[in-house]
């Protein structure tokens, strides 16, 4: 049976003014998860108050996570929401994207922010199969940090999965032509450890090719409907390529993959579009 995985940067709650505050978006974000019937959601940029808001709005989901600054509640979470009726968490953990991955709050290499990974081994109670879900958010500044983070995650996946299945979700802040992407999907002895679900899917793509839109509804419309609206200012790669991905290990079949562009009368739930993949693990 298929499991639907979603990766969703929900945009943090630092901005307290303007039209895109968290209070104006939280029902939309919860609605995206529920309407698209995700079994598991790797979320990024989640502050603790946002976590409790989503917990209240999505009572059918449990969650695994920790704040990146102290391993408890301080700072952004890269948490995993899971459908409690179907999925049983067996074990979980966290590690930081740094030279000291077991040290909470450790800044890594040339990164601008503390970055981490949350992982959990789940049992699908419908099928009895077990798998690992890892979720992360790469740095947006540090070139060396991004590359080393890719190497570290790949090494940890080898240790965690042995011969089992794993799914990696996240906002990687890089595109598919980056060195970090090549590290994650690169060939090695025995073949590539990870594959990009967008490339491997039976039904290869639904929705746009980009995932970050910065709440810019006009430019988003220009990119989605170029024949009807001229593109405005240049935004670079964010509007050309995805930076949010779902990666899978060998043996995982990707049935469908897509980028979800739902909005409410032009109001975006987040500055990222969520990506979704239906997987046979």
C-alpha atoms as a PDB file:
ATOM      1  CA  UNK A   1       0.000   0.000   0.000  1.00  0.00           C
ATOM      2  CA  UNK A   2       1.177   3.494  -0.775  1.00  0.00           C
ATOM      3  CA  UNK A   3       2.250   6.054   1.792  1.00  0.00           C
ATOM      4  CA  UNK A   4       1.950   9.734   0.960  1.00  0.00           C
ATOM      5  CA  UNK A   5       4.974  11.759   2.058  1.00  0.00           C
ATOM      6  CA  UNK A   6       4.971  15.555   2.100  1.00  0.00           C
ATOM      7  CA  UNK A   7       7.818  18.009   2.608  1.00  0.00           C
ATOM      8  CA  UNK A   8       6.638  21.441   3.697  1.00  0.00           C
ATOM      9  CA  UNK A   9       8.498  24.543   4.809  1.00  0.00           C
ATOM     10  CA  UNK A  10       5.643  26.322   6.579  1.00  0.00           C
ATOM     11  CA  UNK A  11       7.523  29.623   7.130  1.00  0.00           C
ATOM     12  CA  UNK A  12       8.425  30.592  10.675  1.00  0.00           C
ATOM     13  CA  UNK A  13       6.519  32.970  12.956  1.00  0.00           C
ATOM     14  CA  UNK A  14       9.192  35.654  13.332  1.00  0.00           C
ATOM     15  CA  UNK A  15       7.243  38.282  11.360  1.00  0.00           C
ATOM     16  CA  UNK A  16       4.481  39.705  13.538  1.00  0.00           C
ATOM     17  CA  UNK A  17       3.173  42.309  11.098  1.00  0.00           C
ATOM     18  CA  UNK A  18       1.902  42.291   7.524  1.00  0.00           C
ATOM     19  CA  UNK A  19      -0.502  40.114   5.610  1.00  0.00           C
ATOM     20  CA  UNK A  20       1.464  36.879   5.935  1.00  0.00           C
ATOM     21  CA  UNK A  21       1.665  36.468   9.702  1.00  0.00           C
ATOM     22  CA  UNK A  22       1.351  32.954  11.075  1.00  0.00           C
ATOM     23  CA  UNK A  23      -2.051  33.645  12.626  1.00  0.00           C
ATOM     24  CA  UNK A  24      -3.405  34.416   9.157  1.00  0.00           C
ATOM     25  CA  UNK A  25      -1.888  31.246   7.657  1.00  0.00           C
ATOM     26  CA  UNK A  26      -2.130  28.498  10.257  1.00  0.00           C
ATOM     27  CA  UNK A  27      -5.565  27.228   9.189  1.00  0.00           C
ATOM     28  CA  UNK A  28      -4.412  27.160   5.566  1.00  0.00           C
ATOM     29  CA  UNK A  29      -1.291  25.160   6.401  1.00  0.00           C
ATOM     30  CA  UNK A  30      -3.289  22.626   8.414  1.00  0.00           C
ATOM     31  CA  UNK A  31      -5.818  22.454   5.598  1.00  0.00           C
ATOM     32  CA  UNK A  32      -3.108  21.610   3.071  1.00  0.00           C
ATOM     33  CA  UNK A  33      -1.964  18.645   5.166  1.00  0.00           C
ATOM     34  CA  UNK A  34      -5.469  17.348   5.776  1.00  0.00           C
ATOM     35  CA  UNK A  35      -6.910  17.888   2.299  1.00  0.00           C
ATOM     36  CA  UNK A  36      -4.002  16.179   0.571  1.00  0.00           C
ATOM     37  CA  UNK A  37      -4.181  13.291   3.041  1.00  0.00           C
ATOM     38  CA  UNK A  38      -0.504  13.099   3.840  1.00  0.00           C
ATOM     39  CA  UNK A  39       0.524  10.115   5.927  1.00  0.00           C
ATOM     40  CA  UNK A  40       3.822  11.751   6.885  1.00  0.00           C
ATOM     41  CA  UNK A  41       4.913  15.376   6.675  1.00  0.00           C
ATOM     42  CA  UNK A  42       8.467  16.598   7.099  1.00  0.00           C
ATOM     43  CA  UNK A  43       8.057  20.239   8.112  1.00  0.00           C
ATOM     44  CA  UNK A  44      10.693  22.948   8.307  1.00  0.00           C
ATOM     45  CA  UNK A  45      10.890  26.343  10.087  1.00  0.00           C
ATOM     46  CA  UNK A  46       8.400  25.281  12.750  1.00  0.00           C
ATOM     47  CA  UNK A  47       8.575  27.254  15.990  1.00  0.00           C
ATOM     48  CA  UNK A  48       7.098  25.735  19.146  1.00  0.00           C
ATOM     49  CA  UNK A  49       3.976  27.906  19.126  1.00  0.00           C
ATOM     50  CA  UNK A  50       3.368  26.873  15.509  1.00  0.00           C
ATOM     51  CA  UNK A  51       3.768  23.257  16.519  1.00  0.00           C
ATOM     52  CA  UNK A  52       1.112  23.561  19.200  1.00  0.00           C
ATOM     53  CA  UNK A  53      -1.222  25.364  16.777  1.00  0.00           C
ATOM     54  CA  UNK A  54      -0.872  22.529  14.267  1.00  0.00           C
ATOM     55  CA  UNK A  55      -1.250  19.899  16.975  1.00  0.00           C
ATOM     56  CA  UNK A  56      -4.573  21.492  17.893  1.00  0.00           C
ATOM     57  CA  UNK A  57      -5.734  21.647  14.268  1.00  0.00           C
ATOM     58  CA  UNK A  58      -4.495  18.188  13.270  1.00  0.00           C
ATOM     59  CA  UNK A  59      -5.444  15.931  16.200  1.00  0.00           C
ATOM     60  CA  UNK A  60      -5.212  12.816  14.025  1.00  0.00           C
ATOM     61  CA  UNK A  61      -1.445  13.378  13.720  1.00  0.00           C
ATOM     62  CA  UNK A  62       1.359  12.768  16.160  1.00  0.00           C
ATOM     63  CA  UNK A  63       4.742  14.446  15.810  1.00  0.00           C
ATOM     64  CA  UNK A  64       8.443  13.891  16.412  1.00  0.00           C
ATOM     65  CA  UNK A  65      10.807  16.840  16.785  1.00  0.00           C
ATOM     66  CA  UNK A  66      13.012  19.176  18.799  1.00  0.00           C
ATOM     67  CA  UNK A  67      14.084  22.802  18.641  1.00  0.00           C
ATOM     68  CA  UNK A  68      17.379  23.191  16.837  1.00  0.00           C
ATOM     69  CA  UNK A  69      18.970  25.543  19.383  1.00  0.00           C
ATOM     70  CA  UNK A  70      18.796  23.287  22.457  1.00  0.00           C
ATOM     71  CA  UNK A  71      17.316  19.969  21.372  1.00  0.00           C
ATOM     72  CA  UNK A  72      14.169  20.795  23.334  1.00  0.00           C
ATOM     73  CA  UNK A  73      11.842  23.691  22.455  1.00  0.00           C
ATOM     74  CA  UNK A  74      14.146  26.560  21.511  1.00  0.00           C
ATOM     75  CA  UNK A  75      14.440  27.485  17.862  1.00  0.00           C
ATOM     76  CA  UNK A  76      13.028  26.031  14.674  1.00  0.00           C
ATOM     77  CA  UNK A  77      12.009  22.389  14.463  1.00  0.00           C
ATOM     78  CA  UNK A  78      12.502  20.121  11.465  1.00  0.00           C
ATOM     79  CA  UNK A  79       9.699  17.942  12.773  1.00  0.00           C
ATOM     80  CA  UNK A  80       7.818  14.973  11.368  1.00  0.00           C
ATOM     81  CA  UNK A  81       4.040  14.745  11.567  1.00  0.00           C
ATOM     82  CA  UNK A  82       2.591  11.249  11.131  1.00  0.00           C
ATOM     83  CA  UNK A  83      -0.900   9.805  10.893  1.00  0.00           C
ATOM     84  CA  UNK A  84      -1.444   8.006  14.194  1.00  0.00           C
ATOM     85  CA  UNK A  85      -4.082   5.613  12.878  1.00  0.00           C
ATOM     86  CA  UNK A  86      -1.646   4.054  10.436  1.00  0.00           C
ATOM     87  CA  UNK A  87       1.904   4.639  11.681  1.00  0.00           C
ATOM     88  CA  UNK A  88       3.662   3.506  14.834  1.00  0.00           C
ATOM     89  CA  UNK A  89       6.940   5.246  15.790  1.00  0.00           C
ATOM     90  CA  UNK A  90       9.468   2.636  16.951  1.00  0.00           C
ATOM     91  CA  UNK A  91      12.526   4.783  17.674  1.00  0.00           C
ATOM     92  CA  UNK A  92      13.642   8.303  16.855  1.00  0.00           C
ATOM     93  CA  UNK A  93      16.526  10.685  17.237  1.00  0.00           C
ATOM     94  CA  UNK A  94      18.136  13.945  16.172  1.00  0.00           C
ATOM     95  CA  UNK A  95      21.556  15.024  15.005  1.00  0.00           C
ATOM     96  CA  UNK A  96      23.005  18.382  14.136  1.00  0.00           C
ATOM     97  CA  UNK A  97      24.584  19.309  10.811  1.00  0.00           C
ATOM     98  CA  UNK A  98      27.990  20.169  12.210  1.00  0.00           C
ATOM     99  CA  UNK A  99      31.367  18.727  13.089  1.00  0.00           C
ATOM    100  CA  UNK A 100      29.814  17.594  16.399  1.00  0.00           C
ATOM    101  CA  UNK A 101      26.474  16.144  15.296  1.00  0.00           C
ATOM    102  CA  UNK A 102      25.434  14.875  18.724  1.00  0.00           C
ATOM    103  CA  UNK A 103      25.825  18.315  20.327  1.00  0.00           C
ATOM    104  CA  UNK A 104      22.521  20.263  20.352  1.00  0.00           C
ATOM    105  CA  UNK A 105      22.704  23.788  18.986  1.00  0.00           C
ATOM    106  CA  UNK A 106      26.141  23.327  17.424  1.00  0.00           C
ATOM    107  CA  UNK A 107      26.774  25.632  14.459  1.00  0.00           C
ATOM    108  CA  UNK A 108      28.407  23.725  11.620  1.00  0.00           C
ATOM    109  CA  UNK A 109      31.234  24.749   9.289  1.00  0.00           C
ATOM    110  CA  UNK A 110      30.421  28.135   7.667  1.00  0.00           C
ATOM    111  CA  UNK A 111      26.668  27.958   8.306  1.00  0.00           C
ATOM    112  CA  UNK A 112      24.707  31.071   9.202  1.00  0.00           C
ATOM    113  CA  UNK A 113      22.212  29.137  11.343  1.00  0.00           C
ATOM    114  CA  UNK A 114      22.086  26.020  13.464  1.00  0.00           C
ATOM    115  CA  UNK A 115      20.799  23.142  11.369  1.00  0.00           C
ATOM    116  CA  UNK A 116      19.624  19.656  12.301  1.00  0.00           C
ATOM    117  CA  UNK A 117      17.990  16.411  11.230  1.00  0.00           C
ATOM    118  CA  UNK A 118      15.090  14.642  12.913  1.00  0.00           C
ATOM    119  CA  UNK A 119      14.568  10.971  12.090  1.00  0.00           C
ATOM    120  CA  UNK A 120      12.166   8.227  13.106  1.00  0.00           C
ATOM    121  CA  UNK A 121      11.797   4.535  12.368  1.00  0.00           C
ATOM    122  CA  UNK A 122       8.122   3.816  11.724  1.00  0.00           C
ATOM    123  CA  UNK A 123       6.054   0.681  11.362  1.00  0.00           C
ATOM    124  CA  UNK A 124       3.207   0.790   8.860  1.00  0.00           C
ATOM    125  CA  UNK A 125       0.470  -0.968  10.815  1.00  0.00           C
ATOM    126  CA  UNK A 126      -1.429  -1.696   7.579  1.00  0.00           C
ATOM    127  CA  UNK A 127       1.416  -3.702   6.031  1.00  0.00           C
ATOM    128  CA  UNK A 128       3.797  -4.457   8.906  1.00  0.00           C
ATOM    129  CA  UNK A 129       6.706  -2.907   6.995  1.00  0.00           C
ATOM    130  CA  UNK A 130       9.262  -0.682   8.706  1.00  0.00           C
ATOM    131  CA  UNK A 131      11.100   2.309   7.269  1.00  0.00           C
ATOM    132  CA  UNK A 132      13.074   5.394   8.294  1.00  0.00           C
ATOM    133  CA  UNK A 133      11.907   8.960   7.679  1.00  0.00           C
ATOM    134  CA  UNK A 134      14.519  11.722   7.986  1.00  0.00           C
ATOM    135  CA  UNK A 135      13.701  15.418   7.739  1.00  0.00           C
ATOM    136  CA  UNK A 136      16.029  18.409   7.525  1.00  0.00           C
ATOM    137  CA  UNK A 137      16.591  22.049   6.554  1.00  0.00           C
ATOM    138  CA  UNK A 138      19.970  22.942   5.043  1.00  0.00           C
ATOM    139  CA  UNK A 139      21.712  26.248   5.577  1.00  0.00           C
ATOM    140  CA  UNK A 140      20.994  29.073   3.149  1.00  0.00           C
ATOM    141  CA  UNK A 141      24.425  30.754   3.268  1.00  0.00           C
ATOM    142  CA  UNK A 142      27.303  28.401   4.046  1.00  0.00           C
ATOM    143  CA  UNK A 143      28.594  26.698   0.899  1.00  0.00           C
ATOM    144  CA  UNK A 144      30.840  24.329   2.830  1.00  0.00           C
ATOM    145  CA  UNK A 145      28.097  23.672   5.380  1.00  0.00           C
ATOM    146  CA  UNK A 146      25.657  22.605   2.685  1.00  0.00           C
ATOM    147  CA  UNK A 147      28.164  20.236   1.070  1.00  0.00           C
ATOM    148  CA  UNK A 148      29.268  18.707   4.375  1.00  0.00           C
ATOM    149  CA  UNK A 149      25.653  18.386   5.515  1.00  0.00           C
ATOM    150  CA  UNK A 150      24.929  16.285   2.433  1.00  0.00           C
ATOM    151  CA  UNK A 151      27.891  14.012   3.208  1.00  0.00           C
ATOM    152  CA  UNK A 152      26.874  13.678   6.872  1.00  0.00           C
ATOM    153  CA  UNK A 153      23.254  12.819   6.120  1.00  0.00           C
ATOM    154  CA  UNK A 154      24.248  10.281   3.513  1.00  0.00           C
ATOM    155  CA  UNK A 155      26.597   8.628   6.004  1.00  0.00           C
ATOM    156  CA  UNK A 156      23.894   8.522   8.684  1.00  0.00           C
ATOM    157  CA  UNK A 157      21.377   7.036   6.278  1.00  0.00           C
ATOM    158  CA  UNK A 158      23.808   4.202   5.530  1.00  0.00           C
ATOM    159  CA  UNK A 159      24.102   3.540   9.267  1.00  0.00           C
ATOM    160  CA  UNK A 160      20.376   3.736   9.941  1.00  0.00           C
ATOM    161  CA  UNK A 161      18.847   1.789   7.120  1.00  0.00           C
ATOM    162  CA  UNK A 162      21.203  -1.173   6.742  1.00  0.00           C
ATOM    163  CA  UNK A 163      19.139  -2.941   4.088  1.00  0.00           C
ATOM    164  CA  UNK A 164      15.862  -1.200   4.876  1.00  0.00           C
ATOM    165  CA  UNK A 165      14.065   1.673   3.204  1.00  0.00           C
ATOM    166  CA  UNK A 166      14.535   5.349   3.987  1.00  0.00           C
ATOM    167  CA  UNK A 167      12.915   8.572   2.865  1.00  0.00           C
ATOM    168  CA  UNK A 168      14.604  11.961   3.243  1.00  0.00           C
ATOM    169  CA  UNK A 169      12.512  15.128   3.077  1.00  0.00           C
ATOM    170  CA  UNK A 170      13.602  18.711   3.432  1.00  0.00           C
ATOM    171  CA  UNK A 171      14.211  22.248   2.328  1.00  0.00           C
ATOM    172  CA  UNK A 172      17.736  21.888   0.993  1.00  0.00           C
ATOM    173  CA  UNK A 173      18.234  25.494  -0.140  1.00  0.00           C
ATOM    174  CA  UNK A 174      19.996  24.201  -3.256  1.00  0.00           C
ATOM    175  CA  UNK A 175      18.877  23.197  -6.730  1.00  0.00           C
ATOM    176  CA  UNK A 176      19.389  19.968  -8.626  1.00  0.00           C
ATOM    177  CA  UNK A 177      22.510  21.306 -10.360  1.00  0.00           C
ATOM    178  CA  UNK A 178      24.320  21.901  -7.032  1.00  0.00           C
ATOM    179  CA  UNK A 179      27.230  19.983  -5.557  1.00  0.00           C
ATOM    180  CA  UNK A 180      25.170  18.992  -2.505  1.00  0.00           C
ATOM    181  CA  UNK A 181      22.498  17.430  -4.728  1.00  0.00           C
ATOM    182  CA  UNK A 182      25.183  15.507  -6.579  1.00  0.00           C
ATOM    183  CA  UNK A 183      26.557  14.260  -3.265  1.00  0.00           C
ATOM    184  CA  UNK A 184      23.131  13.027  -2.172  1.00  0.00           C
ATOM    185  CA  UNK A 185      22.272  11.328  -5.467  1.00  0.00           C
ATOM    186  CA  UNK A 186      25.770  10.410  -6.568  1.00  0.00           C
ATOM    187  CA  UNK A 187      26.762   6.970  -7.744  1.00  0.00           C
ATOM    188  CA  UNK A 188      28.906   4.864  -5.430  1.00  0.00           C
ATOM    189  CA  UNK A 189      29.857   1.248  -5.069  1.00  0.00           C
ATOM    190  CA  UNK A 190      26.680  -0.754  -5.443  1.00  0.00           C
ATOM    191  CA  UNK A 191      24.808   2.135  -7.064  1.00  0.00           C
ATOM    192  CA  UNK A 192      23.298   5.381  -5.822  1.00  0.00           C
ATOM    193  CA  UNK A 193      22.100   5.356  -2.212  1.00  0.00           C
ATOM    194  CA  UNK A 194      19.425   8.020  -2.809  1.00  0.00           C
ATOM    195  CA  UNK A 195      17.178   8.945  -5.716  1.00  0.00           C
ATOM    196  CA  UNK A 196      15.182  12.111  -6.271  1.00  0.00           C
ATOM    197  CA  UNK A 197      11.492  11.191  -6.139  1.00  0.00           C
ATOM    198  CA  UNK A 198      10.682  13.871  -8.708  1.00  0.00           C
ATOM    199  CA  UNK A 199      12.904  12.118 -11.242  1.00  0.00           C
ATOM    200  CA  UNK A 200      12.045   8.533 -10.279  1.00  0.00           C
ATOM    201  CA  UNK A 201       8.250   8.731 -10.186  1.00  0.00           C
ATOM    202  CA  UNK A 202       6.054   6.640 -12.471  1.00  0.00           C
ATOM    203  CA  UNK A 203       3.968   9.765 -12.934  1.00  0.00           C
ATOM    204  CA  UNK A 204       6.875  12.135 -12.974  1.00  0.00           C
ATOM    205  CA  UNK A 205       5.503  15.556 -12.162  1.00  0.00           C
ATOM    206  CA  UNK A 206       2.433  17.560 -11.285  1.00  0.00           C
ATOM    207  CA  UNK A 207       2.583  21.306 -10.757  1.00  0.00           C
ATOM    208  CA  UNK A 208       5.370  23.831 -11.336  1.00  0.00           C
ATOM    209  CA  UNK A 209       9.099  23.143 -11.368  1.00  0.00           C
ATOM    210  CA  UNK A 210       9.840  25.633  -8.553  1.00  0.00           C
ATOM    211  CA  UNK A 211       8.927  25.352  -4.867  1.00  0.00           C
ATOM    212  CA  UNK A 212       9.868  28.735  -3.344  1.00  0.00           C
ATOM    213  CA  UNK A 213       7.707  31.741  -4.222  1.00  0.00           C
ATOM    214  CA  UNK A 214       8.310  34.164  -1.349  1.00  0.00           C
ATOM    215  CA  UNK A 215       4.598  35.060  -1.058  1.00  0.00           C
ATOM    216  CA  UNK A 216       4.971  36.845  -4.420  1.00  0.00           C
ATOM    217  CA  UNK A 217       1.612  35.984  -5.963  1.00  0.00           C
ATOM    218  CA  UNK A 218       2.124  38.199  -9.010  1.00  0.00           C
ATOM    219  CA  UNK A 219       5.433  36.640  -9.978  1.00  0.00           C
ATOM    220  CA  UNK A 220       4.047  33.182  -9.208  1.00  0.00           C
ATOM    221  CA  UNK A 221       1.159  33.835 -11.588  1.00  0.00           C
ATOM    222  CA  UNK A 222       3.615  35.043 -14.223  1.00  0.00           C
ATOM    223  CA  UNK A 223       5.592  31.812 -13.939  1.00  0.00           C
ATOM    224  CA  UNK A 224       2.512  29.605 -13.902  1.00  0.00           C
ATOM    225  CA  UNK A 225       0.708  31.388 -16.739  1.00  0.00           C
ATOM    226  CA  UNK A 226       3.390  33.100 -18.843  1.00  0.00           C
ATOM    227  CA  UNK A 227       1.074  33.604 -21.807  1.00  0.00           C
ATOM    228  CA  UNK A 228      -1.259  35.831 -19.794  1.00  0.00           C
ATOM    229  CA  UNK A 229       0.970  37.825 -17.479  1.00  0.00           C
ATOM    230  CA  UNK A 230       4.412  39.212 -18.165  1.00  0.00           C
ATOM    231  CA  UNK A 231       7.089  38.287 -15.666  1.00  0.00           C
ATOM    232  CA  UNK A 232       8.106  41.114 -13.372  1.00  0.00           C
ATOM    233  CA  UNK A 233      11.405  41.470 -11.561  1.00  0.00           C
ATOM    234  CA  UNK A 234      14.068  38.795 -11.780  1.00  0.00           C
ATOM    235  CA  UNK A 235      14.116  36.352  -8.864  1.00  0.00           C
ATOM    236  CA  UNK A 236      16.901  34.066  -9.965  1.00  0.00           C
ATOM    237  CA  UNK A 237      16.898  30.339  -9.404  1.00  0.00           C
ATOM    238  CA  UNK A 238      14.101  30.315  -6.824  1.00  0.00           C
ATOM    239  CA  UNK A 239      11.570  30.653  -9.630  1.00  0.00           C
ATOM    240  CA  UNK A 240      13.417  28.320 -11.985  1.00  0.00           C
ATOM    241  CA  UNK A 241      14.147  25.196  -9.925  1.00  0.00           C
ATOM    242  CA  UNK A 242      12.970  23.337  -6.853  1.00  0.00           C
ATOM    243  CA  UNK A 243      14.839  23.652  -3.551  1.00  0.00           C
ATOM    244  CA  UNK A 244      12.506  21.313  -1.625  1.00  0.00           C
ATOM    245  CA  UNK A 245      12.988  17.602  -2.281  1.00  0.00           C
ATOM    246  CA  UNK A 246      11.995  14.073  -1.348  1.00  0.00           C
ATOM    247  CA  UNK A 247      14.768  11.495  -1.718  1.00  0.00           C
ATOM    248  CA  UNK A 248      14.328   7.722  -1.440  1.00  0.00           C
ATOM    249  CA  UNK A 249      16.625   4.738  -1.051  1.00  0.00           C
ATOM    250  CA  UNK A 250      16.722   1.740  -3.363  1.00  0.00           C
ATOM    251  CA  UNK A 251      13.713  -0.512  -3.331  1.00  0.00           C
ATOM    252  CA  UNK A 252      11.286   2.357  -2.744  1.00  0.00           C
ATOM    253  CA  UNK A 253       8.939   2.779  -5.687  1.00  0.00           C
ATOM    254  CA  UNK A 254       7.769   6.311  -6.385  1.00  0.00           C
ATOM    255  CA  UNK A 255       4.275   6.205  -7.842  1.00  0.00           C
ATOM    256  CA  UNK A 256       3.491   9.922  -8.043  1.00  0.00           C
ATOM    257  CA  UNK A 257       5.250  13.201  -7.365  1.00  0.00           C
ATOM    258  CA  UNK A 258       4.018  16.772  -7.446  1.00  0.00           C
ATOM    259  CA  UNK A 259       4.306  20.341  -6.222  1.00  0.00           C
ATOM    260  CA  UNK A 260       1.094  21.575  -4.576  1.00  0.00           C
ATOM    261  CA  UNK A 261       0.137  25.179  -5.373  1.00  0.00           C
ATOM    262  CA  UNK A 262      -3.066  25.513  -3.342  1.00  0.00           C
ATOM    263  CA  UNK A 263      -4.020  29.023  -2.222  1.00  0.00           C
ATOM    264  CA  UNK A 264      -7.064  30.895  -1.004  1.00  0.00           C
ATOM    265  CA  UNK A 265      -7.925  33.734  -3.383  1.00  0.00           C
ATOM    266  CA  UNK A 266      -4.241  34.329  -3.998  1.00  0.00           C
ATOM    267  CA  UNK A 267      -3.166  34.039  -0.366  1.00  0.00           C
ATOM    268  CA  UNK A 268      -0.340  31.527   0.002  1.00  0.00           C
ATOM    269  CA  UNK A 269      -0.234  29.316   3.121  1.00  0.00           C
ATOM    270  CA  UNK A 270       3.579  29.596   3.105  1.00  0.00           C
ATOM    271  CA  UNK A 271       6.416  31.073   1.066  1.00  0.00           C
ATOM    272  CA  UNK A 272       7.183  27.520  -0.106  1.00  0.00           C
ATOM    273  CA  UNK A 273       4.928  25.137  -1.975  1.00  0.00           C
ATOM    274  CA  UNK A 274       4.788  21.667  -0.401  1.00  0.00           C
ATOM    275  CA  UNK A 275       6.041  18.703  -2.415  1.00  0.00           C
ATOM    276  CA  UNK A 276       4.250  15.351  -2.257  1.00  0.00           C
ATOM    277  CA  UNK A 277       5.196  11.805  -3.267  1.00  0.00           C
ATOM    278  CA  UNK A 278       3.230   8.556  -3.098  1.00  0.00           C
ATOM    279  CA  UNK A 279       5.682   5.810  -2.201  1.00  0.00           C
ATOM    280  CA  UNK A 280       5.721   2.042  -1.897  1.00  0.00           C
ATOM    281  CA  UNK A 281       8.309   1.423   0.816  1.00  0.00           C
END
